[in-house]
Each structure stands twice: as C-alpha cells, then as structure tokens.
Amino acid sequence: MTVSEIKKIKPAVLKKSFWNWFFWNGCSQQAESMLGMAFAQSMAPVIEDLYDTKEDRAAALKRHVSLFNTEAQVGSICNGIVCGLEESNANGNCTPDIIESIKVALIGPTSAIGDSLWVATIIPILLTICLSISQSGISWLGALVYMIVYPIGTCILSWKMFQIGYKSGLEGMQSMMASGKLDALTDAMTVLGLIVTGALTASYVSCSIPLKIVKDVYDATKGETAATELFNADKMLNGIFPKIMPLLLTLWVYHLYAHKKWSPLKIMGLILVLAVALTGLGYLTGFYM
C-alpha cells in the first residue's frame, strides 16, 4: 500500500464521532446491548470514512452493535481506541477479531475507573463545593456554578480521553505490527475478554436450586421444635464448583444464541417465563422428615 493509499480518519470525522457519543451515549440503552447501539452510532461516521464498500461498512457496524457498557465520560477512551483500531484495520494492520476482543476487555477497567474517579469522587466534591457556595448566602450561585462547571468539565474530560484513546489505539497497533507481536496480543485480549465475561457471569447472573431436605427436631430442654437442614443442593454444588448454576445457564443461553440462532428478545422471553415458573416451584421445594 503506497503512502497515497493509506487511509486516515479526517479530524472532522473524529469530532463527529466524539459528539455522537458525548450527546447520545445513553439514548438507546436497553437490556440487550446496553450502550451498544450508541457505540455503533458513534462509530458510524468513522466507518463511512474508512470503508468504501457497502459490505465492509455493514460488517463494521455489525461488530459494534453488540453488548457494550461503561462509564460514559472516562469510557470515551474506548471509542478513541476503537477508532484507531478501525483505521489500522482499514489499512490492513489489524483484524476485526482484535477490535472486538479489545473492546470487550476495556469494559471492566473503564467502568471501574470511571465510576470511582468521576461518579464517586469528582462529582460529589463538586456538589459539596457548590452546596457550600449556596449556603454562604447566595442560594442560586451554587446551582449556577454546578450547571456551568459540570458540563464543561464533562466535555473536557470526555474529549481528552477520546484523543488519548485514538492516539494509543493507532500507535499501539503500529508498534505491534512492527514487533511481530500481533498474535500474542490477539491471544491475550481473547483470554482477557473471557475473564471479563466470566466475572460478569459470576457477578450478575443469579441461578440456584432451592432443593433442601429438612428434619424437625424437638429440643426437650427448650420445649421447642427446630428445623435441622440435612441436605442443601445449592450449597453442595457451590462447594464442588462455585457459581456452577450461573455458568451453566450462561452456556445454555450462548448455545441458543450461537448455535440455535435464537434472537436476544426470544431468549429474554424464555428466561422470563422460566423465571416465573421456577420461582413458583421453588417456594414449594423441600422435604420434611
């Protein structure tokens, strides 16, 4: 590829991508893909600028409507990194698999840093300062300061993170290609993505077997009857393999989606029906001796 053929995202396109994310990151948040649609909207001008054919643009958009979630301000670094990776991909220096793996791997770190730094630290400090200003005598001044400082601070932080992400994504891929470490990066990001997926499964997927065998034992000294648990299926399974039921449920859902080609809405409907039915059965589960 000659110098004249090297594709580079125009500055105006990068700014449009950033503003799409900044203003609309939460406009389509839903259970199926969280911020995935907003991420794809942010990437749309970049994809249109980099790829020439309808097929290439469709494939690029498709990989960005998948599940994505982060803290929006610090998380704009993800958008910048992916812009750099898409530019590298358009020039043959990256692959779609790497883009998707890195994008998934960034969800956890950017969410944790963004929530702890921006949401839980900077915003409360700003609110405290503005409340103090309001209590000092001019009640409206604190609110005015907050309404000015918060959006400006948010915009500056978001834009800087986006710029850092774009530069690091582009330069990082170029250095990886030069050093021949692309395969190692692919493997590392795949493993990290699986670790993040496993952690999310263990943290957010809830599934248990409320099967118990209980024996009523009469305590002659107290004159009371107490229930003694003889068997607990959930405790037994977790003792052998912690969180095995959430894992099996996740793998089953993945099987329906990847191999049976069920739509996410159909899967959510099935889970809702099963949750209601099995929860009702759970209240009746148990053996008394």
C-alpha atoms as a PDB file:
ATOM      1  CA  MET A   1       0.000   0.000   0.000  1.00  0.00           C
ATOM      2  CA  THR A   2       1.504   3.352  -1.071  1.00  0.00           C
ATOM      3  CA  VAL A   3       1.522   6.469   1.088  1.00  0.00           C
ATOM      4  CA  SER A   4      -1.270   7.962  -1.017  1.00  0.00           C
ATOM      5  CA  GLU A   5      -3.417   4.876  -0.434  1.00  0.00           C
ATOM      6  CA  ILE A   6      -3.068   4.872   3.366  1.00  0.00           C
ATOM      7  CA  LYS A   7      -6.430   5.684   4.886  1.00  0.00           C
ATOM      8  CA  LYS A   8      -6.648   8.155   7.753  1.00  0.00           C
ATOM      9  CA  ILE A   9      -9.695   9.405   9.609  1.00  0.00           C
ATOM     10  CA  LYS A  10     -10.351  13.080   8.941  1.00  0.00           C
ATOM     11  CA  PRO A  11     -10.261  15.365  12.034  1.00  0.00           C
ATOM     12  CA  ALA A  12     -13.830  16.495  11.352  1.00  0.00           C
ATOM     13  CA  VAL A  13     -14.979  12.864  11.275  1.00  0.00           C
ATOM     14  CA  LEU A  14     -13.263  12.155  14.606  1.00  0.00           C
ATOM     15  CA  LYS A  15     -15.016  15.142  16.161  1.00  0.00           C
ATOM     16  CA  LYS A  16     -18.358  13.996  14.777  1.00  0.00           C
ATOM     17  CA  SER A  17     -17.755  10.540  16.228  1.00  0.00           C
ATOM     18  CA  PHE A  18     -16.968  12.077  19.624  1.00  0.00           C
ATOM     19  CA  TRP A  19     -20.032  14.344  19.647  1.00  0.00           C
ATOM     20  CA  ASN A  20     -22.246  11.417  18.670  1.00  0.00           C
ATOM     21  CA  TRP A  21     -21.027   9.573  21.749  1.00  0.00           C
ATOM     22  CA  PHE A  22     -20.991  12.586  24.082  1.00  0.00           C
ATOM     23  CA  PHE A  23     -24.584  13.633  23.443  1.00  0.00           C
ATOM     24  CA  TRP A  24     -26.232  10.290  22.683  1.00  0.00           C
ATOM     25  CA  ASN A  25     -24.370   7.634  24.711  1.00  0.00           C
ATOM     26  CA  GLY A  26     -27.454   6.808  26.761  1.00  0.00           C
ATOM     27  CA  CYS A  27     -30.165   7.351  24.150  1.00  0.00           C
ATOM     28  CA  SER A  28     -30.648   3.681  23.293  1.00  0.00           C
ATOM     29  CA  GLN A  29     -29.631   1.919  26.492  1.00  0.00           C
ATOM     30  CA  GLN A  30     -31.503  -1.348  26.898  1.00  0.00           C
ATOM     31  CA  ALA A  31     -31.006  -4.852  28.283  1.00  0.00           C
ATOM     32  CA  GLU A  32     -29.985  -6.479  25.006  1.00  0.00           C
ATOM     33  CA  SER A  33     -26.848  -4.467  24.200  1.00  0.00           C
ATOM     34  CA  MET A  34     -26.723  -1.734  26.898  1.00  0.00           C
ATOM     35  CA  LEU A  35     -24.760   1.085  25.155  1.00  0.00           C
ATOM     36  CA  GLY A  36     -24.050  -0.968  22.037  1.00  0.00           C
ATOM     37  CA  MET A  37     -26.345   0.984  19.701  1.00  0.00           C
ATOM     38  CA  ALA A  38     -24.909   4.305  20.894  1.00  0.00           C
ATOM     39  CA  PHE A  39     -21.378   2.977  20.353  1.00  0.00           C
ATOM     40  CA  ALA A  40     -22.284   1.945  16.802  1.00  0.00           C
ATOM     41  CA  GLN A  41     -23.800   5.390  16.181  1.00  0.00           C
ATOM     42  CA  SER A  42     -20.554   6.951  17.379  1.00  0.00           C
ATOM     43  CA  MET A  43     -18.540   4.735  15.026  1.00  0.00           C
ATOM     44  CA  ALA A  44     -20.839   5.279  12.008  1.00  0.00           C
ATOM     45  CA  PRO A  45     -19.067   8.387  10.594  1.00  0.00           C
ATOM     46  CA  VAL A  46     -15.661   6.730  11.075  1.00  0.00           C
ATOM     47  CA  ILE A  47     -16.788   3.565   9.299  1.00  0.00           C
ATOM     48  CA  GLU A  48     -18.252   5.574   6.422  1.00  0.00           C
ATOM     49  CA  ASP A  49     -14.985   7.486   6.081  1.00  0.00           C
ATOM     50  CA  LEU A  50     -12.702   4.420   6.178  1.00  0.00           C
ATOM     51  CA  TYR A  51     -14.547   1.748   4.192  1.00  0.00           C
ATOM     52  CA  ASP A  52     -15.617   2.005   0.574  1.00  0.00           C
ATOM     53  CA  THR A  53     -17.998  -0.907   0.019  1.00  0.00           C
ATOM     54  CA  LYS A  54     -21.431  -1.457   1.489  1.00  0.00           C
ATOM     55  CA  GLU A  55     -20.405  -4.928   2.686  1.00  0.00           C
ATOM     56  CA  ASP A  56     -17.371  -3.655   4.616  1.00  0.00           C
ATOM     57  CA  ARG A  57     -19.405  -0.890   6.246  1.00  0.00           C
ATOM     58  CA  ALA A  58     -22.170  -3.306   7.225  1.00  0.00           C
ATOM     59  CA  ALA A  59     -19.671  -5.743   8.753  1.00  0.00           C
ATOM     60  CA  ALA A  60     -18.003  -2.945  10.724  1.00  0.00           C
ATOM     61  CA  LEU A  61     -21.308  -1.610  12.059  1.00  0.00           C
ATOM     62  CA  LYS A  62     -22.451  -5.107  12.963  1.00  0.00           C
ATOM     63  CA  ARG A  63     -19.474  -5.713  15.243  1.00  0.00           C
ATOM     64  CA  HIS A  64     -20.238  -2.511  17.148  1.00  0.00           C
ATOM     65  CA  VAL A  65     -23.925  -3.069  17.957  1.00  0.00           C
ATOM     66  CA  SER A  66     -23.004  -5.933  20.295  1.00  0.00           C
ATOM     67  CA  LEU A  67     -23.101  -5.616  24.084  1.00  0.00           C
ATOM     68  CA  PHE A  68     -21.068  -2.688  25.383  1.00  0.00           C
ATOM     69  CA  ASN A  69     -21.264  -0.891  28.698  1.00  0.00           C
ATOM     70  CA  THR A  70     -19.043   1.582  30.516  1.00  0.00           C
ATOM     71  CA  GLU A  71     -18.998   4.895  32.367  1.00  0.00           C
ATOM     72  CA  ALA A  72     -19.646   7.348  29.551  1.00  0.00           C
ATOM     73  CA  GLN A  73     -17.074  10.079  30.278  1.00  0.00           C
ATOM     74  CA  VAL A  74     -13.940   8.056  31.048  1.00  0.00           C
ATOM     75  CA  GLY A  75     -15.314   5.352  28.743  1.00  0.00           C
ATOM     76  CA  SER A  76     -14.924   7.629  25.713  1.00  0.00           C
ATOM     77  CA  ILE A  77     -11.335   6.361  25.646  1.00  0.00           C
ATOM     78  CA  CYS A  78     -12.831   3.106  24.311  1.00  0.00           C
ATOM     79  CA  ASN A  79     -14.328   4.974  21.358  1.00  0.00           C
ATOM     80  CA  GLY A  80     -10.993   6.615  20.625  1.00  0.00           C
ATOM     81  CA  ILE A  81      -9.089   3.329  20.819  1.00  0.00           C
ATOM     82  CA  VAL A  82     -11.583   1.596  18.527  1.00  0.00           C
ATOM     83  CA  CYS A  83     -11.347   4.488  16.034  1.00  0.00           C
ATOM     84  CA  GLY A  84      -7.592   3.933  15.911  1.00  0.00           C
ATOM     85  CA  LEU A  85      -8.050   0.185  15.541  1.00  0.00           C
ATOM     86  CA  GLU A  86     -10.605   0.607  12.747  1.00  0.00           C
ATOM     87  CA  GLU A  87      -8.162   2.875  10.933  1.00  0.00           C
ATOM     88  CA  SER A  88      -5.460   0.219  11.301  1.00  0.00           C
ATOM     89  CA  ASN A  89      -7.900  -2.439  10.101  1.00  0.00           C
ATOM     90  CA  ALA A  90      -8.793  -0.393   7.018  1.00  0.00           C
ATOM     91  CA  ASN A  91      -5.067  -0.259   6.213  1.00  0.00           C
ATOM     92  CA  GLY A  92      -4.588  -4.000   6.725  1.00  0.00           C
ATOM     93  CA  ASN A  93      -2.702  -3.660  10.027  1.00  0.00           C
ATOM     94  CA  CYS A  94      -5.368  -5.115  12.304  1.00  0.00           C
ATOM     95  CA  THR A  95      -8.203  -7.650  12.286  1.00  0.00           C
ATOM     96  CA  PRO A  96     -11.887  -7.448  13.307  1.00  0.00           C
ATOM     97  CA  ASP A  97     -11.283 -10.131  15.959  1.00  0.00           C
ATOM     98  CA  ILE A  98      -8.708  -7.948  17.698  1.00  0.00           C
ATOM     99  CA  ILE A  99     -11.063  -4.955  17.619  1.00  0.00           C
ATOM    100  CA  GLU A 100     -13.880  -6.930  19.235  1.00  0.00           C
ATOM    101  CA  SER A 101     -11.601  -8.556  21.832  1.00  0.00           C
ATOM    102  CA  ILE A 102     -10.034  -5.262  22.904  1.00  0.00           C
ATOM    103  CA  LYS A 103     -13.433  -3.561  23.036  1.00  0.00           C
ATOM    104  CA  VAL A 104     -14.823  -6.255  25.375  1.00  0.00           C
ATOM    105  CA  ALA A 105     -11.663  -6.222  27.501  1.00  0.00           C
ATOM    106  CA  LEU A 106     -11.989  -2.449  28.043  1.00  0.00           C
ATOM    107  CA  ILE A 107     -15.492  -2.665  29.540  1.00  0.00           C
ATOM    108  CA  GLY A 108     -14.395  -3.661  33.046  1.00  0.00           C
ATOM    109  CA  PRO A 109     -11.422  -1.297  33.585  1.00  0.00           C
ATOM    110  CA  THR A 110     -13.078   1.813  32.125  1.00  0.00           C
ATOM    111  CA  SER A 111     -16.298   1.186  34.061  1.00  0.00           C
ATOM    112  CA  ALA A 112     -14.437   0.754  37.355  1.00  0.00           C
ATOM    113  CA  ILE A 113     -12.141   3.750  36.854  1.00  0.00           C
ATOM    114  CA  GLY A 114     -14.943   5.980  35.556  1.00  0.00           C
ATOM    115  CA  ASP A 115     -17.362   5.135  38.359  1.00  0.00           C
ATOM    116  CA  SER A 116     -14.761   5.503  41.120  1.00  0.00           C
ATOM    117  CA  LEU A 117     -12.972   8.581  39.759  1.00  0.00           C
ATOM    118  CA  TRP A 118     -15.750  10.616  38.119  1.00  0.00           C
ATOM    119  CA  VAL A 119     -19.073   9.468  39.573  1.00  0.00           C
ATOM    120  CA  ALA A 120     -17.960   8.649  43.127  1.00  0.00           C
ATOM    121  CA  THR A 121     -15.205  11.252  43.630  1.00  0.00           C
ATOM    122  CA  ILE A 122     -15.168  14.301  41.362  1.00  0.00           C
ATOM    123  CA  ILE A 123     -18.937  14.856  41.114  1.00  0.00           C
ATOM    124  CA  PRO A 124     -19.527  14.582  44.917  1.00  0.00           C
ATOM    125  CA  ILE A 125     -16.630  17.008  45.536  1.00  0.00           C
ATOM    126  CA  LEU A 126     -18.095  19.464  43.024  1.00  0.00           C
ATOM    127  CA  LEU A 127     -21.538  19.117  44.614  1.00  0.00           C
ATOM    128  CA  THR A 128     -20.068  19.740  48.077  1.00  0.00           C
ATOM    129  CA  ILE A 129     -18.340  22.911  46.893  1.00  0.00           C
ATOM    130  CA  CYS A 130     -21.494  24.184  45.169  1.00  0.00           C
ATOM    131  CA  LEU A 131     -23.659  23.414  48.211  1.00  0.00           C
ATOM    132  CA  SER A 132     -21.219  25.367  50.381  1.00  0.00           C
ATOM    133  CA  ILE A 133     -21.480  28.308  47.993  1.00  0.00           C
ATOM    134  CA  SER A 134     -25.285  28.178  48.175  1.00  0.00           C
ATOM    135  CA  GLN A 135     -25.243  28.043  51.984  1.00  0.00           C
ATOM    136  CA  SER A 136     -22.916  31.040  52.220  1.00  0.00           C
ATOM    137  CA  GLY A 137     -25.708  33.466  51.393  1.00  0.00           C
ATOM    138  CA  ILE A 138     -26.413  33.459  47.647  1.00  0.00           C
ATOM    139  CA  SER A 139     -28.556  30.356  47.234  1.00  0.00           C
ATOM    140  CA  TRP A 140     -28.737  30.398  43.435  1.00  0.00           C
ATOM    141  CA  LEU A 141     -24.998  30.852  42.865  1.00  0.00           C
ATOM    142  CA  GLY A 142     -24.063  27.290  43.849  1.00  0.00           C
ATOM    143  CA  ALA A 143     -26.578  25.814  41.415  1.00  0.00           C
ATOM    144  CA  LEU A 144     -25.343  28.135  38.661  1.00  0.00           C
ATOM    145  CA  VAL A 145     -21.708  27.183  39.263  1.00  0.00           C
ATOM    146  CA  TYR A 146     -22.603  23.485  39.113  1.00  0.00           C
ATOM    147  CA  MET A 147     -24.628  23.892  35.903  1.00  0.00           C
ATOM    148  CA  ILE A 148     -21.637  25.621  34.274  1.00  0.00           C
ATOM    149  CA  VAL A 149     -18.714  23.613  35.653  1.00  0.00           C
ATOM    150  CA  TYR A 150     -20.260  20.137  35.337  1.00  0.00           C
ATOM    151  CA  PRO A 151     -20.993  20.108  31.564  1.00  0.00           C
ATOM    152  CA  ILE A 152     -17.730  21.899  30.738  1.00  0.00           C
ATOM    153  CA  GLY A 153     -15.713  19.520  32.917  1.00  0.00           C
ATOM    154  CA  THR A 154     -17.534  16.528  31.478  1.00  0.00           C
ATOM    155  CA  CYS A 155     -16.875  17.672  27.922  1.00  0.00           C
ATOM    156  CA  ILE A 156     -13.171  18.346  28.530  1.00  0.00           C
ATOM    157  CA  LEU A 157     -12.626  15.005  30.276  1.00  0.00           C
ATOM    158  CA  SER A 158     -14.502  13.085  27.579  1.00  0.00           C
ATOM    159  CA  TRP A 159     -12.691  14.749  24.698  1.00  0.00           C
ATOM    160  CA  LYS A 160      -9.245  14.287  26.254  1.00  0.00           C
ATOM    161  CA  MET A 161      -9.930  10.609  26.940  1.00  0.00           C
ATOM    162  CA  PHE A 162     -11.172  10.182  23.359  1.00  0.00           C
ATOM    163  CA  GLN A 163      -7.993  11.780  21.963  1.00  0.00           C
ATOM    164  CA  ILE A 164      -5.747   9.664  24.202  1.00  0.00           C
ATOM    165  CA  GLY A 165      -7.626   6.557  23.109  1.00  0.00           C
ATOM    166  CA  TYR A 166      -7.335   7.308  19.395  1.00  0.00           C
ATOM    167  CA  LYS A 167      -3.618   8.024  19.620  1.00  0.00           C
ATOM    168  CA  SER A 168      -2.852   4.956  21.742  1.00  0.00           C
ATOM    169  CA  GLY A 169      -5.017   2.664  19.602  1.00  0.00           C
ATOM    170  CA  LEU A 170      -3.325   3.752  16.384  1.00  0.00           C
ATOM    171  CA  GLU A 171       0.251   3.837  17.686  1.00  0.00           C
ATOM    172  CA  GLY A 172      -0.236   0.644  19.671  1.00  0.00           C
ATOM    173  CA  MET A 173      -1.265  -1.318  16.586  1.00  0.00           C
ATOM    174  CA  GLN A 174       1.591   0.113  14.536  1.00  0.00           C
ATOM    175  CA  SER A 175       4.146  -0.915  17.178  1.00  0.00           C
ATOM    176  CA  MET A 176       2.582  -4.370  17.479  1.00  0.00           C
ATOM    177  CA  MET A 177       2.792  -4.881  13.732  1.00  0.00           C
ATOM    178  CA  ALA A 178       6.405  -3.705  13.680  1.00  0.00           C
ATOM    179  CA  SER A 179       7.456  -6.029  16.518  1.00  0.00           C
ATOM    180  CA  GLY A 180       5.505  -9.041  15.260  1.00  0.00           C
ATOM    181  CA  LYS A 181       3.523  -9.377  18.492  1.00  0.00           C
ATOM    182  CA  LEU A 182       0.087  -9.253  16.872  1.00  0.00           C
ATOM    183  CA  ASP A 183      -0.696 -12.938  17.516  1.00  0.00           C
ATOM    184  CA  ALA A 184       0.339 -12.598  21.157  1.00  0.00           C
ATOM    185  CA  LEU A 185      -1.923  -9.548  21.511  1.00  0.00           C
ATOM    186  CA  THR A 186      -4.828 -11.435  19.944  1.00  0.00           C
ATOM    187  CA  ASP A 187      -4.421 -14.347  22.359  1.00  0.00           C
ATOM    188  CA  ALA A 188      -4.012 -12.041  25.368  1.00  0.00           C
ATOM    189  CA  MET A 189      -7.092  -9.978  24.527  1.00  0.00           C
ATOM    190  CA  THR A 190      -9.145 -13.122  23.901  1.00  0.00           C
ATOM    191  CA  VAL A 191      -8.188 -14.526  27.302  1.00  0.00           C
ATOM    192  CA  LEU A 192      -8.850 -11.181  28.995  1.00  0.00           C
ATOM    193  CA  GLY A 193     -12.230 -10.942  27.276  1.00  0.00           C
ATOM    194  CA  LEU A 194     -13.144 -14.419  28.538  1.00  0.00           C
ATOM    195  CA  ILE A 195     -12.053 -13.468  32.069  1.00  0.00           C
ATOM    196  CA  VAL A 196     -14.224 -10.337  31.967  1.00  0.00           C
ATOM    197  CA  THR A 197     -17.168 -12.370  30.648  1.00  0.00           C
ATOM    198  CA  GLY A 198     -16.672 -14.951  33.404  1.00  0.00           C
ATOM    199  CA  ALA A 199     -16.503 -12.264  36.083  1.00  0.00           C
ATOM    200  CA  LEU A 200     -19.683 -10.622  34.781  1.00  0.00           C
ATOM    201  CA  THR A 201     -21.414 -14.011  34.734  1.00  0.00           C
ATOM    202  CA  ALA A 202     -20.459 -14.752  38.343  1.00  0.00           C
ATOM    203  CA  SER A 203     -21.426 -11.243  39.496  1.00  0.00           C
ATOM    204  CA  TYR A 204     -24.696 -10.624  37.695  1.00  0.00           C
ATOM    205  CA  VAL A 205     -26.252 -13.973  36.714  1.00  0.00           C
ATOM    206  CA  SER A 206     -28.360 -15.441  39.507  1.00  0.00           C
ATOM    207  CA  CYS A 207     -29.486 -19.060  39.370  1.00  0.00           C
ATOM    208  CA  SER A 208     -29.867 -21.547  42.208  1.00  0.00           C
ATOM    209  CA  ILE A 209     -31.521 -24.848  43.117  1.00  0.00           C
ATOM    210  CA  PRO A 210     -33.616 -24.335  46.275  1.00  0.00           C
ATOM    211  CA  LEU A 211     -33.820 -28.068  46.990  1.00  0.00           C
ATOM    212  CA  LYS A 212     -33.445 -28.868  50.673  1.00  0.00           C
ATOM    213  CA  ILE A 213     -34.090 -31.797  52.985  1.00  0.00           C
ATOM    214  CA  VAL A 214     -35.031 -30.594  56.449  1.00  0.00           C
ATOM    215  CA  LYS A 215     -35.774 -32.561  59.597  1.00  0.00           C
ATOM    216  CA  ASP A 216     -37.799 -31.191  62.506  1.00  0.00           C
ATOM    217  CA  VAL A 217     -36.004 -31.924  65.776  1.00  0.00           C
ATOM    218  CA  TYR A 218     -37.654 -31.461  69.157  1.00  0.00           C
ATOM    219  CA  ASP A 219     -35.443 -29.783  71.765  1.00  0.00           C
ATOM    220  CA  ALA A 220     -36.657 -31.110  75.121  1.00  0.00           C
ATOM    221  CA  THR A 221     -34.600 -28.603  77.123  1.00  0.00           C
ATOM    222  CA  LYS A 222     -36.259 -25.624  75.458  1.00  0.00           C
ATOM    223  CA  GLY A 223     -39.537 -27.273  74.631  1.00  0.00           C
ATOM    224  CA  GLU A 224     -39.256 -26.114  71.036  1.00  0.00           C
ATOM    225  CA  THR A 225     -39.163 -27.767  67.631  1.00  0.00           C
ATOM    226  CA  ALA A 226     -36.284 -26.613  65.439  1.00  0.00           C
ATOM    227  CA  ALA A 227     -35.680 -27.350  61.762  1.00  0.00           C
ATOM    228  CA  THR A 228     -32.350 -29.021  61.044  1.00  0.00           C
ATOM    229  CA  GLU A 229     -31.083 -28.882  57.481  1.00  0.00           C
ATOM    230  CA  LEU A 230     -29.874 -32.290  56.314  1.00  0.00           C
ATOM    231  CA  PHE A 231     -29.253 -31.508  52.646  1.00  0.00           C
ATOM    232  CA  ASN A 232     -28.938 -28.304  50.595  1.00  0.00           C
ATOM    233  CA  ALA A 233     -28.448 -28.826  46.856  1.00  0.00           C
ATOM    234  CA  ASP A 234     -27.208 -25.286  46.212  1.00  0.00           C
ATOM    235  CA  LYS A 235     -24.563 -25.406  48.953  1.00  0.00           C
ATOM    236  CA  MET A 236     -23.402 -28.821  47.799  1.00  0.00           C
ATOM    237  CA  LEU A 237     -22.969 -27.723  44.164  1.00  0.00           C
ATOM    238  CA  ASN A 238     -21.211 -24.478  45.129  1.00  0.00           C
ATOM    239  CA  GLY A 239     -18.906 -26.476  47.378  1.00  0.00           C
ATOM    240  CA  ILE A 240     -17.858 -28.588  44.403  1.00  0.00           C
ATOM    241  CA  PHE A 241     -17.824 -25.799  41.774  1.00  0.00           C
ATOM    242  CA  PRO A 242     -18.676 -22.236  42.941  1.00  0.00           C
ATOM    243  CA  LYS A 243     -21.276 -20.467  40.765  1.00  0.00           C
ATOM    244  CA  ILE A 244     -21.794 -23.542  38.604  1.00  0.00           C
ATOM    245  CA  MET A 245     -25.517 -22.866  38.051  1.00  0.00           C
ATOM    246  CA  PRO A 246     -24.992 -19.306  36.685  1.00  0.00           C
ATOM    247  CA  LEU A 247     -22.246 -20.725  34.450  1.00  0.00           C
ATOM    248  CA  LEU A 248     -24.474 -23.497  33.092  1.00  0.00           C
ATOM    249  CA  LEU A 249     -27.305 -21.014  32.496  1.00  0.00           C
ATOM    250  CA  THR A 250     -24.947 -18.677  30.617  1.00  0.00           C
ATOM    251  CA  LEU A 251     -23.578 -21.514  28.471  1.00  0.00           C
ATOM    252  CA  TRP A 252     -27.129 -22.655  27.682  1.00  0.00           C
ATOM    253  CA  VAL A 253     -28.126 -19.126  26.620  1.00  0.00           C
ATOM    254  CA  TYR A 254     -24.968 -18.912  24.490  1.00  0.00           C
ATOM    255  CA  HIS A 255     -25.889 -22.235  22.860  1.00  0.00           C
ATOM    256  CA  LEU A 256     -29.360 -20.922  21.995  1.00  0.00           C
ATOM    257  CA  TYR A 257     -27.913 -17.714  20.566  1.00  0.00           C
ATOM    258  CA  ALA A 258     -24.852 -19.048  18.713  1.00  0.00           C
ATOM    259  CA  HIS A 259     -25.988 -22.481  17.563  1.00  0.00           C
ATOM    260  CA  LYS A 260     -29.792 -22.402  17.556  1.00  0.00           C
ATOM    261  CA  LYS A 261     -29.833 -18.833  16.151  1.00  0.00           C
ATOM    262  CA  TRP A 262     -32.390 -17.564  18.655  1.00  0.00           C
ATOM    263  CA  SER A 263     -32.807 -13.789  18.813  1.00  0.00           C
ATOM    264  CA  PRO A 264     -31.945 -11.997  22.102  1.00  0.00           C
ATOM    265  CA  LEU A 265     -35.587 -10.969  22.559  1.00  0.00           C
ATOM    266  CA  LYS A 266     -36.744 -14.572  22.191  1.00  0.00           C
ATOM    267  CA  ILE A 267     -34.146 -15.719  24.733  1.00  0.00           C
ATOM    268  CA  MET A 268     -35.177 -12.989  27.203  1.00  0.00           C
ATOM    269  CA  GLY A 269     -38.815 -14.029  26.814  1.00  0.00           C
ATOM    270  CA  LEU A 270     -37.937 -17.657  27.536  1.00  0.00           C
ATOM    271  CA  ILE A 271     -35.881 -16.695  30.603  1.00  0.00           C
ATOM    272  CA  LEU A 272     -38.741 -14.543  31.904  1.00  0.00           C
ATOM    273  CA  VAL A 273     -41.244 -17.396  31.574  1.00  0.00           C
ATOM    274  CA  LEU A 274     -38.849 -19.893  33.180  1.00  0.00           C
ATOM    275  CA  ALA A 275     -38.006 -17.472  35.999  1.00  0.00           C
ATOM    276  CA  VAL A 276     -41.672 -17.029  36.911  1.00  0.00           C
ATOM    277  CA  ALA A 277     -42.441 -20.755  36.670  1.00  0.00           C
ATOM    278  CA  LEU A 278     -39.352 -21.983  38.531  1.00  0.00           C
ATOM    279  CA  THR A 279     -39.627 -19.326  41.224  1.00  0.00           C
ATOM    280  CA  GLY A 280     -43.143 -20.551  41.913  1.00  0.00           C
ATOM    281  CA  LEU A 281     -41.880 -24.118  42.157  1.00  0.00           C
ATOM    282  CA  GLY A 282     -39.039 -23.004  44.391  1.00  0.00           C
ATOM    283  CA  TYR A 283     -41.423 -21.954  47.127  1.00  0.00           C
ATOM    284  CA  LEU A 284     -42.824 -25.491  47.176  1.00  0.00           C
ATOM    285  CA  THR A 285     -39.476 -27.276  47.058  1.00  0.00           C
ATOM    286  CA  GLY A 286     -38.333 -29.172  50.173  1.00  0.00           C
ATOM    287  CA  PHE A 287     -38.690 -32.436  52.014  1.00  0.00           C
ATOM    288  CA  TYR A 288     -39.554 -32.743  55.669  1.00  0.00           C
ATOM    289  CA  MET A 289     -38.794 -35.765  57.792  1.00  0.00           C
END
